[in-house]
Structures are given as structure tokens and as C-alpha cells.
Amino acid sequence: ILNNNGIDISAPKNALVRAVFDGEVTSVISILGAGKVVIVKHGNYRTVYSNLDDVYVSKGSKVTTKMPIGSLLPSRDGSLSVAHFEVHEVLDGEVKQLNPALWIAQ
């Protein structure tokens, strides 16, 4: 069983991923099967962007709303890309999953 704590968004092949809000990059890591992952801190909130191929930021980077943070890996068949996006709230050491759709610019 696969536990998906966020949303997957289909996008054109190698599309850019942009920050949803001003913040600071706290982590840039690689996860087997999820490509590169960028975590951005926005006060008590964390946004997680995964399935990245190239990353344009590093730990400690300040990001602004809609700033490109990376590009997506192509899908297995190479026809498109899929972004994985999560939002977490951190209060008093407790982590709560939030609805990421509410953070996405229309």
C-alpha cells in the first residue's frame, strides 16, 4: 500500500516547479524513486516538492512566491512529468498534514 501525503500534478515534460510562498529552503535531498526533494520552511509550515530532476536552490536559499526551484523528472514513458507536492504544519513538535490544493496558485 502506497501512502500519499500530498497531491500529484501532471505537467509538461521537464516543467519547472515554483515555490508557492516566500520561505527558506531547509533541505535538498535525493530519495530513491522520488528524484530530488526540496523542503521549504514558511514559518510553522513546510512545503515539500518532489520528483525533481534538476534543483536550482540549496539549503539556506531564500525563495519568493513563484520562484523556480527545480525542474521535473520525465515520466517513465517520457511523455510528461508528475510533480508531487505536500504541505505540513509544525506546531510544538507535532506535524499535521494539510490540503496542498489550498496552497497552489490558480
PDB file of N, CA and C in Angstrom:
ATOM      1  N   ILE A   1       0.854  -1.178   0.000  1.00  0.00           N
ATOM      2  CA  ILE A   1       0.000   0.000   0.000  1.00  0.00           C
ATOM      3  C   ILE A   1       0.890   1.227   0.000  1.00  0.00           C
ATOM      4  N   LEU A   2       0.600   2.157  -0.901  1.00  0.00           N
ATOM      5  CA  LEU A   2       1.357   3.398  -1.007  1.00  0.00           C
ATOM      6  C   LEU A   2       0.623   4.500  -0.260  1.00  0.00           C
ATOM      7  N   ASN A   3       1.299   5.156   0.666  1.00  0.00           N
ATOM      8  CA  ASN A   3       0.714   6.248   1.425  1.00  0.00           C
ATOM      9  C   ASN A   3       1.121   7.556   0.764  1.00  0.00           C
ATOM     10  N   ASN A   4       0.150   8.288   0.224  1.00  0.00           N
ATOM     11  CA  ASN A   4       0.419   9.542  -0.456  1.00  0.00           C
ATOM     12  C   ASN A   4      -0.074  10.679   0.433  1.00  0.00           C
ATOM     13  N   ASN A   5       0.867  11.456   1.002  1.00  0.00           N
ATOM     14  CA  ASN A   5       0.516  12.547   1.906  1.00  0.00           C
ATOM     15  C   ASN A   5       0.345  13.880   1.202  1.00  0.00           C
ATOM     16  N   GLY A   6       0.271  13.864  -0.116  1.00  0.00           N
ATOM     17  CA  GLY A   6       0.139  15.104  -0.858  1.00  0.00           C
ATOM     18  C   GLY A   6      -0.688  14.896  -2.102  1.00  0.00           C
ATOM     19  N   ILE A   7      -0.375  15.690  -3.106  1.00  0.00           N
ATOM     20  CA  ILE A   7      -1.060  15.562  -4.386  1.00  0.00           C
ATOM     21  C   ILE A   7      -0.024  15.398  -5.487  1.00  0.00           C
ATOM     22  N   ASP A   8      -0.422  14.723  -6.543  1.00  0.00           N
ATOM     23  CA  ASP A   8       0.404  14.560  -7.732  1.00  0.00           C
ATOM     24  C   ASP A   8      -0.218  15.384  -8.835  1.00  0.00           C
ATOM     25  N   ILE A   9       0.604  16.170  -9.507  1.00  0.00           N
ATOM     26  CA  ILE A   9       0.124  17.090 -10.532  1.00  0.00           C
ATOM     27  C   ILE A   9       0.824  16.771 -11.846  1.00  0.00           C
ATOM     28  N   SER A  10       0.049  16.398 -12.857  1.00  0.00           N
ATOM     29  CA  SER A  10       0.629  16.155 -14.186  1.00  0.00           C
ATOM     30  C   SER A  10       1.029  17.484 -14.802  1.00  0.00           C
ATOM     31  N   ALA A  11       2.161  17.474 -15.478  1.00  0.00           N
ATOM     32  CA  ALA A  11       2.702  18.697 -16.066  1.00  0.00           C
ATOM     33  C   ALA A  11       3.433  18.336 -17.352  1.00  0.00           C
ATOM     34  N   PRO A  12       3.701  19.330 -18.195  1.00  0.00           N
ATOM     35  CA  PRO A  12       4.500  19.052 -19.392  1.00  0.00           C
ATOM     36  C   PRO A  12       5.867  18.486 -18.998  1.00  0.00           C
ATOM     37  N   LYS A  13       6.429  17.691 -19.864  1.00  0.00           N
ATOM     38  CA  LYS A  13       7.728  17.060 -19.635  1.00  0.00           C
ATOM     39  C   LYS A  13       8.763  18.104 -19.212  1.00  0.00           C
ATOM     40  N   ASN A  14       9.485  17.820 -18.126  1.00  0.00           N
ATOM     41  CA  ASN A  14      10.562  18.669 -17.592  1.00  0.00           C
ATOM     42  C   ASN A  14      10.087  20.064 -17.159  1.00  0.00           C
ATOM     43  N   ALA A  15       8.811  20.212 -16.812  1.00  0.00           N
ATOM     44  CA  ALA A  15       8.258  21.504 -16.393  1.00  0.00           C
ATOM     45  C   ALA A  15       8.983  22.044 -15.167  1.00  0.00           C
ATOM     46  N   LEU A  16       8.934  23.353 -15.015  1.00  0.00           N
ATOM     47  CA  LEU A  16       9.508  23.998 -13.837  1.00  0.00           C
ATOM     48  C   LEU A  16       8.557  23.866 -12.657  1.00  0.00           C
ATOM     49  N   VAL A  17       9.133  23.736 -11.468  1.00  0.00           N
ATOM     50  CA  VAL A  17       8.372  23.731 -10.221  1.00  0.00           C
ATOM     51  C   VAL A  17       8.709  25.033  -9.522  1.00  0.00           C
ATOM     52  N   ARG A  18       7.664  25.733  -9.047  1.00  0.00           N
ATOM     53  CA  ARG A  18       7.864  27.036  -8.420  1.00  0.00           C
ATOM     54  C   ARG A  18       7.386  27.027  -6.980  1.00  0.00           C
ATOM     55  N   ALA A  19       8.055  27.822  -6.156  1.00  0.00           N
ATOM     56  CA  ALA A  19       7.668  27.944  -4.750  1.00  0.00           C
ATOM     57  C   ALA A  19       6.270  28.544  -4.655  1.00  0.00           C
ATOM     58  N   VAL A  20       5.453  28.019  -3.722  1.00  0.00           N
ATOM     59  CA  VAL A  20       4.090  28.524  -3.571  1.00  0.00           C
ATOM     60  C   VAL A  20       4.015  29.741  -2.655  1.00  0.00           C
ATOM     61  N   PHE A  21       5.098  30.008  -1.906  1.00  0.00           N
ATOM     62  CA  PHE A  21       5.084  31.130  -0.965  1.00  0.00           C
ATOM     63  C   PHE A  21       6.528  31.456  -0.590  1.00  0.00           C
ATOM     64  N   ASP A  22       6.762  32.662  -0.093  1.00  0.00           N
ATOM     65  CA  ASP A  22       8.100  33.055   0.370  1.00  0.00           C
ATOM     66  C   ASP A  22       8.553  32.131   1.494  1.00  0.00           C
ATOM     67  N   GLY A  23       9.843  31.801   1.495  1.00  0.00           N
ATOM     68  CA  GLY A  23      10.353  30.959   2.568  1.00  0.00           C
ATOM     69  C   GLY A  23      11.840  30.714   2.439  1.00  0.00           C
ATOM     70  N   GLU A  24      12.329  29.724   3.197  1.00  0.00           N
ATOM     71  CA  GLU A  24      13.735  29.363   3.195  1.00  0.00           C
ATOM     72  C   GLU A  24      13.864  27.857   3.003  1.00  0.00           C
ATOM     73  N   VAL A  25      14.763  27.458   2.108  1.00  0.00           N
ATOM     74  CA  VAL A  25      14.999  26.037   1.850  1.00  0.00           C
ATOM     75  C   VAL A  25      15.685  25.422   3.069  1.00  0.00           C
ATOM     76  N   THR A  26      15.068  24.365   3.624  1.00  0.00           N
ATOM     77  CA  THR A  26      15.663  23.694   4.779  1.00  0.00           C
ATOM     78  C   THR A  26      16.353  22.397   4.398  1.00  0.00           C
ATOM     79  N   SER A  27      15.959  21.800   3.265  1.00  0.00           N
ATOM     80  CA  SER A  27      16.560  20.536   2.836  1.00  0.00           C
ATOM     81  C   SER A  27      16.489  20.385   1.333  1.00  0.00           C
ATOM     82  N   VAL A  28      17.545  19.795   0.777  1.00  0.00           N
ATOM     83  CA  VAL A  28      17.555  19.321  -0.607  1.00  0.00           C
ATOM     84  C   VAL A  28      18.145  17.923  -0.530  1.00  0.00           C
ATOM     85  N   ILE A  29      17.312  16.914  -0.821  1.00  0.00           N
ATOM     86  CA  ILE A  29      17.755  15.530  -0.685  1.00  0.00           C
ATOM     87  C   ILE A  29      17.345  14.721  -1.911  1.00  0.00           C
ATOM     88  N   SER A  30      17.943  13.571  -2.063  1.00  0.00           N
ATOM     89  CA  SER A  30      17.548  12.631  -3.109  1.00  0.00           C
ATOM     90  C   SER A  30      16.903  11.427  -2.447  1.00  0.00           C
ATOM     91  N   ILE A  31      15.762  10.991  -3.002  1.00  0.00           N
ATOM     92  CA  ILE A  31      15.063   9.825  -2.487  1.00  0.00           C
ATOM     93  C   ILE A  31      14.861   8.854  -3.644  1.00  0.00           C
ATOM     94  N   LEU A  32      15.306   7.630  -3.447  1.00  0.00           N
ATOM     95  CA  LEU A  32      15.144   6.615  -4.472  1.00  0.00           C
ATOM     96  C   LEU A  32      13.680   6.512  -4.877  1.00  0.00           C
ATOM     97  N   GLY A  33      13.390   6.669  -6.152  1.00  0.00           N
ATOM     98  CA  GLY A  33      12.023   6.583  -6.657  1.00  0.00           C
ATOM     99  C   GLY A  33      11.258   7.892  -6.620  1.00  0.00           C
ATOM    100  N   ALA A  34      11.823   8.917  -5.969  1.00  0.00           N
ATOM    101  CA  ALA A  34      11.136  10.213  -5.884  1.00  0.00           C
ATOM    102  C   ALA A  34      12.008  11.346  -6.409  1.00  0.00           C
ATOM    103  N   GLY A  35      13.144  11.015  -7.003  1.00  0.00           N
ATOM    104  CA  GLY A  35      14.039  12.039  -7.521  1.00  0.00           C
ATOM    105  C   GLY A  35      14.581  12.899  -6.403  1.00  0.00           C
ATOM    106  N   LYS A  36      14.825  14.148  -6.722  1.00  0.00           N
ATOM    107  CA  LYS A  36      15.303  15.101  -5.725  1.00  0.00           C
ATOM    108  C   LYS A  36      14.093  15.743  -5.054  1.00  0.00           C
ATOM    109  N   VAL A  37      14.265  16.082  -3.781  1.00  0.00           N
ATOM    110  CA  VAL A  37      13.193  16.653  -2.965  1.00  0.00           C
ATOM    111  C   VAL A  37      13.688  17.956  -2.351  1.00  0.00           C
ATOM    112  N   VAL A  38      12.849  18.995  -2.424  1.00  0.00           N
ATOM    113  CA  VAL A  38      13.158  20.283  -1.800  1.00  0.00           C
ATOM    114  C   VAL A  38      12.092  20.552  -0.741  1.00  0.00           C
ATOM    115  N   ILE A  39      12.544  20.911   0.475  1.00  0.00           N
ATOM    116  CA  ILE A  39      11.626  21.284   1.550  1.00  0.00           C
ATOM    117  C   ILE A  39      11.864  22.755   1.872  1.00  0.00           C
ATOM    118  N   VAL A  40      10.766  23.526   1.895  1.00  0.00           N
ATOM    119  CA  VAL A  40      10.842  24.957   2.159  1.00  0.00           C
ATOM    120  C   VAL A  40      10.051  25.265   3.425  1.00  0.00           C
ATOM    121  N   LYS A  41      10.663  26.054   4.309  1.00  0.00           N
ATOM    122  CA  LYS A  41      10.033  26.471   5.563  1.00  0.00           C
ATOM    123  C   LYS A  41       9.372  27.829   5.364  1.00  0.00           C
ATOM    124  N   HIS A  42       8.112  27.908   5.788  1.00  0.00           N
ATOM    125  CA  HIS A  42       7.347  29.161   5.759  1.00  0.00           C
ATOM    126  C   HIS A  42       6.776  29.333   7.172  1.00  0.00           C
ATOM    127  N   GLY A  43       7.549  29.851   8.098  1.00  0.00           N
ATOM    128  CA  GLY A  43       7.085  29.950   9.485  1.00  0.00           C
ATOM    129  C   GLY A  43       6.831  28.552  10.047  1.00  0.00           C
ATOM    130  N   ASN A  44       5.590  28.292  10.495  1.00  0.00           N
ATOM    131  CA  ASN A  44       5.232  26.982  11.042  1.00  0.00           C
ATOM    132  C   ASN A  44       4.837  25.978   9.967  1.00  0.00           C
ATOM    133  N   TYR A  45       4.963  26.342   8.706  1.00  0.00           N
ATOM    134  CA  TYR A  45       4.567  25.463   7.612  1.00  0.00           C
ATOM    135  C   TYR A  45       5.783  24.997   6.824  1.00  0.00           C
ATOM    136  N   ARG A  46       5.659  23.808   6.233  1.00  0.00           N
ATOM    137  CA  ARG A  46       6.691  23.266   5.355  1.00  0.00           C
ATOM    138  C   ARG A  46       6.006  22.831   4.068  1.00  0.00           C
ATOM    139  N   THR A  47       6.584  23.205   2.933  1.00  0.00           N
ATOM    140  CA  THR A  47       6.113  22.684   1.655  1.00  0.00           C
ATOM    141  C   THR A  47       7.184  21.743   1.124  1.00  0.00           C
ATOM    142  N   VAL A  48       6.722  20.653   0.520  1.00  0.00           N
ATOM    143  CA  VAL A  48       7.611  19.603   0.033  1.00  0.00           C
ATOM    144  C   VAL A  48       7.349  19.417  -1.453  1.00  0.00           C
ATOM    145  N   TYR A  49       8.412  19.524  -2.248  1.00  0.00           N
ATOM    146  CA  TYR A  49       8.334  19.390  -3.704  1.00  0.00           C
ATOM    147  C   TYR A  49       9.214  18.208  -4.091  1.00  0.00           C
ATOM    148  N   SER A  50       8.631  17.174  -4.682  1.00  0.00           N
ATOM    149  CA  SER A  50       9.458  16.022  -5.048  1.00  0.00           C
ATOM    150  C   SER A  50       9.208  15.600  -6.481  1.00  0.00           C
ATOM    151  N   ASN A  51      10.032  14.653  -6.918  1.00  0.00           N
ATOM    152  CA  ASN A  51      10.085  14.164  -8.294  1.00  0.00           C
ATOM    153  C   ASN A  51      10.840  15.160  -9.175  1.00  0.00           C
ATOM    154  N   LEU A  52      11.805  15.844  -8.568  1.00  0.00           N
ATOM    155  CA  LEU A  52      12.605  16.828  -9.301  1.00  0.00           C
ATOM    156  C   LEU A  52      13.823  16.165  -9.945  1.00  0.00           C
ATOM    157  N   ASP A  53      14.183  16.670 -11.103  1.00  0.00           N
ATOM    158  CA  ASP A  53      15.376  16.223 -11.813  1.00  0.00           C
ATOM    159  C   ASP A  53      16.526  17.172 -11.482  1.00  0.00           C
ATOM    160  N   ASP A  54      16.365  18.426 -11.844  1.00  0.00           N
ATOM    161  CA  ASP A  54      17.355  19.460 -11.533  1.00  0.00           C
ATOM    162  C   ASP A  54      16.795  20.344 -10.424  1.00  0.00           C
ATOM    163  N   VAL A  55      17.676  20.793  -9.528  1.00  0.00           N
ATOM    164  CA  VAL A  55      17.292  21.676  -8.435  1.00  0.00           C
ATOM    165  C   VAL A  55      18.102  22.961  -8.571  1.00  0.00           C
ATOM    166  N   TYR A  56      17.423  24.115  -8.463  1.00  0.00           N
ATOM    167  CA  TYR A  56      18.063  25.419  -8.644  1.00  0.00           C
ATOM    168  C   TYR A  56      18.333  26.139  -7.331  1.00  0.00           C
ATOM    169  N   VAL A  57      18.046  25.502  -6.193  1.00  0.00           N
ATOM    170  CA  VAL A  57      18.237  26.110  -4.885  1.00  0.00           C
ATOM    171  C   VAL A  57      19.082  25.181  -4.020  1.00  0.00           C
ATOM    172  N   SER A  58      19.546  25.681  -2.899  1.00  0.00           N
ATOM    173  CA  SER A  58      20.297  24.856  -1.954  1.00  0.00           C
ATOM    174  C   SER A  58      19.831  25.193  -0.545  1.00  0.00           C
ATOM    175  N   LYS A  59      20.226  24.367   0.422  1.00  0.00           N
ATOM    176  CA  LYS A  59      19.849  24.595   1.811  1.00  0.00           C
ATOM    177  C   LYS A  59      20.249  26.010   2.208  1.00  0.00           C
ATOM    178  N   GLY A  60      19.313  26.730   2.816  1.00  0.00           N
ATOM    179  CA  GLY A  60      19.568  28.109   3.232  1.00  0.00           C
ATOM    180  C   GLY A  60      19.139  29.150   2.219  1.00  0.00           C
ATOM    181  N   SER A  61      18.820  28.732   0.977  1.00  0.00           N
ATOM    182  CA  SER A  61      18.362  29.674  -0.047  1.00  0.00           C
ATOM    183  C   SER A  61      17.041  30.306   0.358  1.00  0.00           C
ATOM    184  N   LYS A  62      16.925  31.607   0.140  1.00  0.00           N
ATOM    185  CA  LYS A  62      15.652  32.295   0.329  1.00  0.00           C
ATOM    186  C   LYS A  62      14.895  32.188  -0.996  1.00  0.00           C
ATOM    187  N   VAL A  63      13.612  31.831  -0.914  1.00  0.00           N
ATOM    188  CA  VAL A  63      12.792  31.748  -2.120  1.00  0.00           C
ATOM    189  C   VAL A  63      11.618  32.706  -1.994  1.00  0.00           C
ATOM    190  N   THR A  64      11.117  33.135  -3.129  1.00  0.00           N
ATOM    191  CA  THR A  64       9.955  34.005  -3.167  1.00  0.00           C
ATOM    192  C   THR A  64       8.832  33.290  -3.923  1.00  0.00           C
ATOM    193  N   THR A  65       7.614  33.745  -3.713  1.00  0.00           N
ATOM    194  CA  THR A  65       6.457  33.156  -4.363  1.00  0.00           C
ATOM    195  C   THR A  65       6.669  33.085  -5.874  1.00  0.00           C
ATOM    196  N   LYS A  66       6.422  31.927  -6.436  1.00  0.00           N
ATOM    197  CA  LYS A  66       6.524  31.624  -7.871  1.00  0.00           C
ATOM    198  C   LYS A  66       7.952  31.536  -8.402  1.00  0.00           C
ATOM    199  N   MET A  67       8.952  31.593  -7.515  1.00  0.00           N
ATOM    200  CA  MET A  67      10.349  31.449  -7.932  1.00  0.00           C
ATOM    201  C   MET A  67      10.606  29.991  -8.336  1.00  0.00           C
ATOM    202  N   PRO A  68      11.232  29.748  -9.508  1.00  0.00           N
ATOM    203  CA  PRO A  68      11.551  28.364  -9.888  1.00  0.00           C
ATOM    204  C   PRO A  68      12.551  27.746  -8.909  1.00  0.00           C
ATOM    205  N   ILE A  69      12.220  26.528  -8.434  1.00  0.00           N
ATOM    206  CA  ILE A  69      13.130  25.835  -7.527  1.00  0.00           C
ATOM    207  C   ILE A  69      13.728  24.586  -8.162  1.00  0.00           C
ATOM    208  N   GLY A  70      13.170  24.171  -9.294  1.00  0.00           N
ATOM    209  CA  GLY A  70      13.698  22.988  -9.975  1.00  0.00           C
ATOM    210  C   GLY A  70      12.854  22.613 -11.168  1.00  0.00           C
ATOM    211  N   SER A  71      13.296  21.563 -11.858  1.00  0.00           N
ATOM    212  CA  SER A  71      12.523  21.028 -12.982  1.00  0.00           C
ATOM    213  C   SER A  71      12.204  19.569 -12.694  1.00  0.00           C
ATOM    214  N   LEU A  72      11.130  19.097 -13.282  1.00  0.00           N
ATOM    215  CA  LEU A  72      10.633  17.749 -13.003  1.00  0.00           C
ATOM    216  C   LEU A  72      11.331  16.670 -13.816  1.00  0.00           C
ATOM    217  N   LEU A  73      11.380  15.488 -13.228  1.00  0.00           N
ATOM    218  CA  LEU A  73      11.822  14.296 -13.957  1.00  0.00           C
ATOM    219  C   LEU A  73      10.776  13.954 -15.016  1.00  0.00           C
ATOM    220  N   PRO A  74      11.189  13.429 -16.160  1.00  0.00           N
ATOM    221  CA  PRO A  74      10.187  12.939 -17.112  1.00  0.00           C
ATOM    222  C   PRO A  74       9.555  11.654 -16.571  1.00  0.00           C
ATOM    223  N   SER A  75       8.327  11.369 -16.985  1.00  0.00           N
ATOM    224  CA  SER A  75       7.663  10.135 -16.573  1.00  0.00           C
ATOM    225  C   SER A  75       8.383   8.940 -17.192  1.00  0.00           C
ATOM    226  N   ARG A  76       8.002   7.756 -16.757  1.00  0.00           N
ATOM    227  CA  ARG A  76       8.665   6.545 -17.272  1.00  0.00           C
ATOM    228  C   ARG A  76       8.599   6.443 -18.785  1.00  0.00           C
ATOM    229  N   ASP A  77       7.457   6.813 -19.364  1.00  0.00           N
ATOM    230  CA  ASP A  77       7.335   6.731 -20.825  1.00  0.00           C
ATOM    231  C   ASP A  77       7.876   7.983 -21.507  1.00  0.00           C
ATOM    232  N   GLY A  78       8.277   8.984 -20.711  1.00  0.00           N
ATOM    233  CA  GLY A  78       8.911  10.180 -21.250  1.00  0.00           C
ATOM    234  C   GLY A  78       7.975  11.194 -21.857  1.00  0.00           C
ATOM    235  N   SER A  79       6.656  11.003 -21.735  1.00  0.00           N
ATOM    236  CA  SER A  79       5.712  11.898 -22.403  1.00  0.00           C
ATOM    237  C   SER A  79       5.323  13.122 -21.574  1.00  0.00           C
ATOM    238  N   LEU A  80       5.450  13.025 -20.250  1.00  0.00           N
ATOM    239  CA  LEU A  80       5.086  14.135 -19.377  1.00  0.00           C
ATOM    240  C   LEU A  80       5.872  14.028 -18.084  1.00  0.00           C
ATOM    241  N   SER A  81       5.563  14.884 -17.126  1.00  0.00           N
ATOM    242  CA  SER A  81       6.183  14.829 -15.803  1.00  0.00           C
ATOM    243  C   SER A  81       5.078  14.899 -14.762  1.00  0.00           C
ATOM    244  N   VAL A  82       5.379  14.440 -13.555  1.00  0.00           N
ATOM    245  CA  VAL A  82       4.406  14.495 -12.466  1.00  0.00           C
ATOM    246  C   VAL A  82       5.083  15.099 -11.237  1.00  0.00           C
ATOM    247  N   ALA A  83       4.546  16.219 -10.764  1.00  0.00           N
ATOM    248  CA  ALA A  83       5.052  16.858  -9.551  1.00  0.00           C
ATOM    249  C   ALA A  83       4.328  16.269  -8.350  1.00  0.00           C
ATOM    250  N   HIS A  84       5.068  16.030  -7.277  1.00  0.00           N
ATOM    251  CA  HIS A  84       4.445  15.621  -6.008  1.00  0.00           C
ATOM    252  C   HIS A  84       4.635  16.775  -5.041  1.00  0.00           C
ATOM    253  N   PHE A  85       3.534  17.190  -4.384  1.00  0.00           N
ATOM    254  CA  PHE A  85       3.540  18.375  -3.531  1.00  0.00           C
ATOM    255  C   PHE A  85       2.821  18.070  -2.218  1.00  0.00           C
ATOM    256  N   GLU A  86       3.451  18.442  -1.111  1.00  0.00           N
ATOM    257  CA  GLU A  86       2.866  18.247   0.219  1.00  0.00           C
ATOM    258  C   GLU A  86       2.991  19.529   1.029  1.00  0.00           C
ATOM    259  N   VAL A  87       2.076  19.693   1.995  1.00  0.00           N
ATOM    260  CA  VAL A  87       2.141  20.804   2.941  1.00  0.00           C
ATOM    261  C   VAL A  87       1.953  20.232   4.342  1.00  0.00           C
ATOM    262  N   HIS A  88       2.837  20.648   5.253  1.00  0.00           N
ATOM    263  CA  HIS A  88       2.784  20.201   6.644  1.00  0.00           C
ATOM    264  C   HIS A  88       2.776  21.426   7.547  1.00  0.00           C
ATOM    265  N   GLU A  89       2.048  21.324   8.651  1.00  0.00           N
ATOM    266  CA  GLU A  89       2.098  22.353   9.679  1.00  0.00           C
ATOM    267  C   GLU A  89       2.843  21.752  10.871  1.00  0.00           C
ATOM    268  N   VAL A  90       3.819  22.503  11.413  1.00  0.00           N
ATOM    269  CA  VAL A  90       4.603  22.030  12.550  1.00  0.00           C
ATOM    270  C   VAL A  90       4.343  22.954  13.726  1.00  0.00           C
ATOM    271  N   LEU A  91       3.692  22.394  14.771  1.00  0.00           N
ATOM    272  CA  LEU A  91       3.400  23.159  15.978  1.00  0.00           C
ATOM    273  C   LEU A  91       3.766  22.319  17.195  1.00  0.00           C
ATOM    274  N   ASP A  92       4.605  22.863  18.059  1.00  0.00           N
ATOM    275  CA  ASP A  92       5.012  22.177  19.294  1.00  0.00           C
ATOM    276  C   ASP A  92       5.508  20.758  19.033  1.00  0.00           C
ATOM    277  N   GLY A  93       6.273  20.587  17.969  1.00  0.00           N
ATOM    278  CA  GLY A  93       6.842  19.289  17.651  1.00  0.00           C
ATOM    279  C   GLY A  93       5.890  18.316  16.973  1.00  0.00           C
ATOM    280  N   GLU A  94       4.636  18.698  16.800  1.00  0.00           N
ATOM    281  CA  GLU A  94       3.649  17.858  16.114  1.00  0.00           C
ATOM    282  C   GLU A  94       3.566  18.270  14.653  1.00  0.00           C
ATOM    283  N   VAL A  95       3.496  17.278  13.760  1.00  0.00           N
ATOM    284  CA  VAL A  95       3.396  17.544  12.329  1.00  0.00           C
ATOM    285  C   VAL A  95       2.004  17.150  11.857  1.00  0.00           C
ATOM    286  N   LYS A  96       1.331  18.083  11.209  1.00  0.00           N
ATOM    287  CA  LYS A  96      -0.032  17.856  10.710  1.00  0.00           C
ATOM    288  C   LYS A  96      -0.033  18.014   9.195  1.00  0.00           C
ATOM    289  N   GLN A  97      -0.631  17.043   8.494  1.00  0.00           N
ATOM    290  CA  GLN A  97      -0.760  17.118   7.033  1.00  0.00           C
ATOM    291  C   GLN A  97      -1.878  18.100   6.693  1.00  0.00           C
ATOM    292  N   LEU A  98      -1.646  18.971   5.732  1.00  0.00           N
ATOM    293  CA  LEU A  98      -2.668  19.913   5.275  1.00  0.00           C
ATOM    294  C   LEU A  98      -3.022  19.625   3.827  1.00  0.00           C
ATOM    295  N   ASN A  99      -4.138  20.181   3.379  1.00  0.00           N
ATOM    296  CA  ASN A  99      -4.575  20.015   1.994  1.00  0.00           C
ATOM    297  C   ASN A  99      -3.720  20.906   1.092  1.00  0.00           C
ATOM    298  N   PRO A 100      -2.819  20.328   0.293  1.00  0.00           N
ATOM    299  CA  PRO A 100      -1.921  21.135  -0.535  1.00  0.00           C
ATOM    300  C   PRO A 100      -2.637  21.913  -1.637  1.00  0.00           C
ATOM    301  N   ALA A 101      -3.819  21.475  -2.042  1.00  0.00           N
ATOM    302  CA  ALA A 101      -4.528  22.156  -3.118  1.00  0.00           C
ATOM    303  C   ALA A 101      -4.834  23.613  -2.737  1.00  0.00           C
ATOM    304  N   LEU A 102      -4.967  23.892  -1.437  1.00  0.00           N
ATOM    305  CA  LEU A 102      -5.276  25.243  -0.985  1.00  0.00           C
ATOM    306  C   LEU A 102      -4.082  26.198  -1.130  1.00  0.00           C
ATOM    307  N   TRP A 103      -2.897  25.652  -1.345  1.00  0.00           N
ATOM    308  CA  TRP A 103      -1.684  26.468  -1.449  1.00  0.00           C
ATOM    309  C   TRP A 103      -1.266  26.747  -2.889  1.00  0.00           C
ATOM    310  N   ILE A 104      -1.913  26.131  -3.843  1.00  0.00           N
ATOM    311  CA  ILE A 104      -1.486  26.236  -5.233  1.00  0.00           C
ATOM    312  C   ILE A 104      -2.129  27.431  -5.914  1.00  0.00           C
ATOM    313  N   ALA A 105      -1.301  28.267  -6.549  1.00  0.00           N
ATOM    314  CA  ALA A 105      -1.809  29.418  -7.290  1.00  0.00           C
ATOM    315  C   ALA A 105      -2.615  28.941  -8.494  1.00  0.00           C
ATOM    316  N   GLN A 106      -3.691  29.572  -8.728  1.00  0.00           N
ATOM    317  CA  GLN A 106      -4.544  29.214  -9.879  1.00  0.00           C
ATOM    318  C   GLN A 106      -4.117  29.971 -11.116  1.00  0.00           C
TER     319      GLN A 106
END
